[in-house]
Amino acid sequence: MSIVTVIGNPRSGSRTYGAAVAATDAIVDRLGYEGPRDVVDLSALGPLLLDPGAHAGVEIALELVTGAAVAVFASPTYKATYTGLLKAFADRLPPNALAGQVALPLLVMGHARHALAVEVHFRPLLTELGAFVPTPGLALLESELPGGETLARWADLVTPQIAARQGALR
């Protein structure tokens, strides 16, 4: 089993990247998980995601995501939802590609008024792909980055749901 972190920010090295890795670290620490971990940074795949042809980097990213037991999906908030880059990647996944998997949505936002976007927009995308999505999703304000207490409280809430769903990750 493995854990993968998917970053849907079009900019490499973004604050979203840092928040996503911190969220994954918090989950991994609480689970006591020591197995494989991967990061899929979609900023490196952007132009390839819009090309309908097969590309090695995209295929590897899709395999990492579909093969993971747990996936953290992170995006900055754009137009009150996740990025088109993340949606373009999700559109490459076949129906029920995340069946049997735990998916954790994370949105980084500039204002608290977008906090519901993680539940109203992001959760349905992941459940449509067949994933189990623990509650709540993580809505992080830019002013809270890298996450601090908000991230710790979230990890404390979702980790028992992950453990119950997946059993002991090995």
C-alpha atoms as a PDB file:
ATOM      1  CA  MET A   1       0.000   0.000   0.000  1.00  0.00           C
ATOM      2  CA  SER A   2       1.098   3.552  -0.547  1.00  0.00           C
ATOM      3  CA  ILE A   3       0.191   7.153   0.113  1.00  0.00           C
ATOM      4  CA  VAL A   4       0.290   9.765  -2.633  1.00  0.00           C
ATOM      5  CA  THR A   5       0.016  13.542  -2.506  1.00  0.00           C
ATOM      6  CA  VAL A   6      -1.421  15.245  -5.598  1.00  0.00           C
ATOM      7  CA  ILE A   7      -0.823  18.995  -5.985  1.00  0.00           C
ATOM      8  CA  GLY A   8      -3.079  20.819  -8.429  1.00  0.00           C
ATOM      9  CA  ASN A   9      -1.376  24.211  -8.328  1.00  0.00           C
ATOM     10  CA  PRO A  10      -0.092  25.336 -11.739  1.00  0.00           C
ATOM     11  CA  ARG A  11       2.955  26.910 -10.073  1.00  0.00           C
ATOM     12  CA  SER A  12       5.887  24.718  -9.040  1.00  0.00           C
ATOM     13  CA  GLY A  13       7.012  25.066  -5.430  1.00  0.00           C
ATOM     14  CA  SER A  14       3.749  26.708  -4.378  1.00  0.00           C
ATOM     15  CA  ARG A  15       2.371  27.222  -0.873  1.00  0.00           C
ATOM     16  CA  THR A  16      -0.229  24.610  -1.816  1.00  0.00           C
ATOM     17  CA  TYR A  17       2.621  22.132  -2.299  1.00  0.00           C
ATOM     18  CA  GLY A  18       3.932  22.867   1.191  1.00  0.00           C
ATOM     19  CA  ALA A  19       0.472  22.586   2.760  1.00  0.00           C
ATOM     20  CA  ALA A  20      -0.224  19.301   0.955  1.00  0.00           C
ATOM     21  CA  VAL A  21       3.029  17.727   2.097  1.00  0.00           C
ATOM     22  CA  ALA A  22       2.422  18.971   5.664  1.00  0.00           C
ATOM     23  CA  ALA A  23      -1.096  17.455   5.598  1.00  0.00           C
ATOM     24  CA  THR A  24       0.264  14.144   4.320  1.00  0.00           C
ATOM     25  CA  ASP A  25       2.996  14.205   6.972  1.00  0.00           C
ATOM     26  CA  ALA A  26       0.386  14.761   9.696  1.00  0.00           C
ATOM     27  CA  ILE A  27      -1.668  11.791   8.492  1.00  0.00           C
ATOM     28  CA  VAL A  28       1.393   9.563   8.122  1.00  0.00           C
ATOM     29  CA  ASP A  29       2.627  10.459  11.618  1.00  0.00           C
ATOM     30  CA  ARG A  30      -0.741   9.735  13.245  1.00  0.00           C
ATOM     31  CA  LEU A  31      -1.122   6.437  11.397  1.00  0.00           C
ATOM     32  CA  GLY A  32       2.431   5.365  12.193  1.00  0.00           C
ATOM     33  CA  TYR A  33       2.749   4.553   8.498  1.00  0.00           C
ATOM     34  CA  GLU A  34       6.234   3.775   7.180  1.00  0.00           C
ATOM     35  CA  GLY A  35       5.479   2.554   3.655  1.00  0.00           C
ATOM     36  CA  PRO A  36       5.889   4.152   0.247  1.00  0.00           C
ATOM     37  CA  ARG A  37       4.936   7.793  -0.346  1.00  0.00           C
ATOM     38  CA  ASP A  38       4.852   9.683  -3.614  1.00  0.00           C
ATOM     39  CA  VAL A  39       4.164  13.246  -4.707  1.00  0.00           C
ATOM     40  CA  VAL A  40       2.468  14.082  -8.007  1.00  0.00           C
ATOM     41  CA  ASP A  41       3.061  17.758  -8.785  1.00  0.00           C
ATOM     42  CA  LEU A  42       0.716  18.547 -11.655  1.00  0.00           C
ATOM     43  CA  SER A  43       2.544  21.808 -12.444  1.00  0.00           C
ATOM     44  CA  ALA A  44       5.102  19.706 -14.318  1.00  0.00           C
ATOM     45  CA  LEU A  45       2.391  17.961 -16.355  1.00  0.00           C
ATOM     46  CA  GLY A  46       0.110  20.897 -17.235  1.00  0.00           C
ATOM     47  CA  PRO A  47       0.483  21.072 -21.027  1.00  0.00           C
ATOM     48  CA  LEU A  48       0.514  17.277 -21.341  1.00  0.00           C
ATOM     49  CA  LEU A  49      -2.829  16.923 -19.543  1.00  0.00           C
ATOM     50  CA  LEU A  50      -4.587  18.798 -22.326  1.00  0.00           C
ATOM     51  CA  ASP A  51      -3.032  16.679 -25.058  1.00  0.00           C
ATOM     52  CA  PRO A  52      -5.225  13.615 -25.633  1.00  0.00           C
ATOM     53  CA  GLY A  53      -2.227  11.437 -26.457  1.00  0.00           C
ATOM     54  CA  ALA A  54      -0.375   9.176 -24.053  1.00  0.00           C
ATOM     55  CA  HIS A  55       2.588  10.703 -22.210  1.00  0.00           C
ATOM     56  CA  ALA A  56       4.875   8.761 -19.895  1.00  0.00           C
ATOM     57  CA  GLY A  57       4.774  11.367 -17.098  1.00  0.00           C
ATOM     58  CA  VAL A  58       0.972  11.511 -17.118  1.00  0.00           C
ATOM     59  CA  GLU A  59       0.656   7.723 -17.230  1.00  0.00           C
ATOM     60  CA  ILE A  60       3.036   7.333 -14.277  1.00  0.00           C
ATOM     61  CA  ALA A  61       1.092   9.954 -12.294  1.00  0.00           C
ATOM     62  CA  LEU A  62      -2.198   8.198 -13.038  1.00  0.00           C
ATOM     63  CA  GLU A  63      -0.743   4.848 -11.950  1.00  0.00           C
ATOM     64  CA  LEU A  64       0.592   6.319  -8.705  1.00  0.00           C
ATOM     65  CA  VAL A  65      -2.792   7.811  -7.866  1.00  0.00           C
ATOM     66  CA  THR A  66      -4.891   4.792  -8.793  1.00  0.00           C
ATOM     67  CA  GLY A  67      -2.512   2.445  -6.969  1.00  0.00           C
ATOM     68  CA  ALA A  68      -2.476   4.351  -3.676  1.00  0.00           C
ATOM     69  CA  ALA A  69      -4.410   3.356  -0.577  1.00  0.00           C
ATOM     70  CA  VAL A  70      -4.622   6.999   0.537  1.00  0.00           C
ATOM     71  CA  ALA A  71      -4.367  10.129  -1.600  1.00  0.00           C
ATOM     72  CA  VAL A  72      -4.243  13.750  -0.477  1.00  0.00           C
ATOM     73  CA  PHE A  73      -5.558  15.989  -3.271  1.00  0.00           C
ATOM     74  CA  ALA A  74      -4.599  19.645  -2.840  1.00  0.00           C
ATOM     75  CA  SER A  75      -5.440  22.767  -4.800  1.00  0.00           C
ATOM     76  CA  PRO A  76      -5.490  26.494  -4.324  1.00  0.00           C
ATOM     77  CA  THR A  77      -8.998  27.919  -4.509  1.00  0.00           C
ATOM     78  CA  TYR A  78      -9.695  29.322  -7.983  1.00  0.00           C
ATOM     79  CA  LYS A  79     -13.102  30.839  -8.717  1.00  0.00           C
ATOM     80  CA  ALA A  80     -14.483  29.312  -5.486  1.00  0.00           C
ATOM     81  CA  THR A  81     -13.360  25.770  -6.342  1.00  0.00           C
ATOM     82  CA  TYR A  82     -10.270  23.716  -7.298  1.00  0.00           C
ATOM     83  CA  THR A  83      -8.041  24.462 -10.300  1.00  0.00           C
ATOM     84  CA  GLY A  84      -8.720  23.483 -13.888  1.00  0.00           C
ATOM     85  CA  LEU A  85      -5.342  21.734 -13.802  1.00  0.00           C
ATOM     86  CA  LEU A  86      -6.586  19.365 -11.109  1.00  0.00           C
ATOM     87  CA  LYS A  87      -9.842  18.838 -13.012  1.00  0.00           C
ATOM     88  CA  ALA A  88      -7.936  18.061 -16.220  1.00  0.00           C
ATOM     89  CA  PHE A  89      -5.975  15.411 -14.321  1.00  0.00           C
ATOM     90  CA  ALA A  90      -9.128  13.970 -12.730  1.00  0.00           C
ATOM     91  CA  ASP A  91     -10.730  13.815 -16.180  1.00  0.00           C
ATOM     92  CA  ARG A  92      -7.946  11.442 -17.271  1.00  0.00           C
ATOM     93  CA  LEU A  93      -8.946   8.950 -14.572  1.00  0.00           C
ATOM     94  CA  PRO A  94     -11.389   6.223 -15.612  1.00  0.00           C
ATOM     95  CA  PRO A  95     -14.741   5.788 -13.828  1.00  0.00           C
ATOM     96  CA  ASN A  96     -14.336   4.465 -10.268  1.00  0.00           C
ATOM     97  CA  ALA A  97     -10.559   4.821 -10.520  1.00  0.00           C
ATOM     98  CA  LEU A  98     -10.396   5.613  -6.803  1.00  0.00           C
ATOM     99  CA  ALA A  99     -12.692   2.793  -5.629  1.00  0.00           C
ATOM    100  CA  GLY A 100     -11.443   1.308  -2.375  1.00  0.00           C
ATOM    101  CA  GLN A 101      -9.199   4.303  -1.780  1.00  0.00           C
ATOM    102  CA  VAL A 102      -9.304   7.054   0.828  1.00  0.00           C
ATOM    103  CA  ALA A 103      -9.095  10.516  -0.752  1.00  0.00           C
ATOM    104  CA  LEU A 104      -8.524  13.652   1.297  1.00  0.00           C
ATOM    105  CA  PRO A 105      -9.415  17.022  -0.270  1.00  0.00           C
ATOM    106  CA  LEU A 106      -7.423  20.107   0.723  1.00  0.00           C
ATOM    107  CA  LEU A 107      -8.082  23.643  -0.518  1.00  0.00           C
ATOM    108  CA  VAL A 108      -5.840  26.618   0.203  1.00  0.00           C
ATOM    109  CA  MET A 109      -7.839  29.844   0.137  1.00  0.00           C
ATOM    110  CA  GLY A 110      -7.412  33.547   0.595  1.00  0.00           C
ATOM    111  CA  HIS A 111     -10.709  34.125   2.404  1.00  0.00           C
ATOM    112  CA  ALA A 112     -12.838  32.072   4.779  1.00  0.00           C
ATOM    113  CA  ARG A 113     -15.928  32.649   2.620  1.00  0.00           C
ATOM    114  CA  HIS A 114     -14.587  29.887   0.336  1.00  0.00           C
ATOM    115  CA  ALA A 115     -14.340  27.306   3.129  1.00  0.00           C
ATOM    116  CA  LEU A 116     -17.426  25.392   1.975  1.00  0.00           C
ATOM    117  CA  ALA A 117     -15.867  24.814  -1.450  1.00  0.00           C
ATOM    118  CA  VAL A 118     -13.933  21.829  -0.120  1.00  0.00           C
ATOM    119  CA  GLU A 119     -17.210  20.088   0.775  1.00  0.00           C
ATOM    120  CA  VAL A 120     -19.506  21.468  -1.931  1.00  0.00           C
ATOM    121  CA  HIS A 121     -17.186  21.162  -4.941  1.00  0.00           C
ATOM    122  CA  PHE A 122     -14.084  19.107  -4.146  1.00  0.00           C
ATOM    123  CA  ARG A 123     -15.655  16.196  -2.214  1.00  0.00           C
ATOM    124  CA  PRO A 124     -18.149  15.389  -5.027  1.00  0.00           C
ATOM    125  CA  LEU A 125     -15.299  15.131  -7.563  1.00  0.00           C
ATOM    126  CA  LEU A 126     -13.498  12.542  -5.448  1.00  0.00           C
ATOM    127  CA  THR A 127     -16.626  10.571  -4.576  1.00  0.00           C
ATOM    128  CA  GLU A 128     -17.614  10.531  -8.254  1.00  0.00           C
ATOM    129  CA  LEU A 129     -14.307   8.749  -8.864  1.00  0.00           C
ATOM    130  CA  GLY A 130     -15.281   6.137  -6.253  1.00  0.00           C
ATOM    131  CA  ALA A 131     -13.185   7.287  -3.295  1.00  0.00           C
ATOM    132  CA  PHE A 132     -14.134   7.216   0.361  1.00  0.00           C
ATOM    133  CA  VAL A 133     -13.747  10.830   1.539  1.00  0.00           C
ATOM    134  CA  PRO A 134     -13.518  11.289   5.330  1.00  0.00           C
ATOM    135  CA  THR A 135     -15.083  14.366   6.858  1.00  0.00           C
ATOM    136  CA  PRO A 136     -14.236  17.121   7.036  1.00  0.00           C
ATOM    137  CA  GLY A 137     -12.139  18.142   4.058  1.00  0.00           C
ATOM    138  CA  LEU A 138      -9.308  20.551   4.879  1.00  0.00           C
ATOM    139  CA  ALA A 139      -9.861  24.235   4.150  1.00  0.00           C
ATOM    140  CA  LEU A 140      -6.681  26.192   4.921  1.00  0.00           C
ATOM    141  CA  LEU A 141      -6.485  29.958   4.841  1.00  0.00           C
ATOM    142  CA  GLU A 142      -3.293  31.353   3.342  1.00  0.00           C
ATOM    143  CA  SER A 143      -2.776  33.205   6.638  1.00  0.00           C
ATOM    144  CA  GLU A 144      -2.709  29.807   8.447  1.00  0.00           C
ATOM    145  CA  LEU A 145      -0.023  28.222   6.264  1.00  0.00           C
ATOM    146  CA  PRO A 146       1.664  25.842   6.610  1.00  0.00           C
ATOM    147  CA  GLY A 147      -1.358  24.765   8.639  1.00  0.00           C
ATOM    148  CA  GLY A 148      -0.485  24.713  12.309  1.00  0.00           C
ATOM    149  CA  GLU A 149      -3.407  24.072  14.640  1.00  0.00           C
ATOM    150  CA  THR A 150      -6.010  23.881  11.862  1.00  0.00           C
ATOM    151  CA  LEU A 151      -4.084  21.124  10.115  1.00  0.00           C
ATOM    152  CA  ALA A 152      -3.459  19.272  13.394  1.00  0.00           C
ATOM    153  CA  ARG A 153      -7.152  19.363  14.360  1.00  0.00           C
ATOM    154  CA  TRP A 154      -8.131  18.137  10.888  1.00  0.00           C
ATOM    155  CA  ALA A 155      -5.616  15.281  10.994  1.00  0.00           C
ATOM    156  CA  ASP A 156      -6.891  14.264  14.432  1.00  0.00           C
ATOM    157  CA  LEU A 157     -10.448  14.072  13.019  1.00  0.00           C
ATOM    158  CA  VAL A 158      -9.760  12.191   9.789  1.00  0.00           C
ATOM    159  CA  THR A 159      -7.012   9.782  10.835  1.00  0.00           C
ATOM    160  CA  PRO A 160      -9.356   7.477  12.795  1.00  0.00           C
ATOM    161  CA  GLN A 161     -11.652   7.368   9.751  1.00  0.00           C
ATOM    162  CA  ILE A 162      -8.722   6.416   7.520  1.00  0.00           C
ATOM    163  CA  ALA A 163      -7.538   3.733   9.931  1.00  0.00           C
ATOM    164  CA  ALA A 164     -11.035   2.277  10.225  1.00  0.00           C
ATOM    165  CA  ARG A 165     -11.459   2.238   6.450  1.00  0.00           C
ATOM    166  CA  GLN A 166      -8.044   0.910   5.497  1.00  0.00           C
ATOM    167  CA  GLY A 167      -7.168  -1.191   8.525  1.00  0.00           C
ATOM    168  CA  ALA A 168      -3.538  -0.945   9.497  1.00  0.00           C
ATOM    169  CA  LEU A 169      -1.579   0.505   6.589  1.00  0.00           C
ATOM    170  CA  ARG A 170       1.534  -1.536   6.084  1.00  0.00           C
END
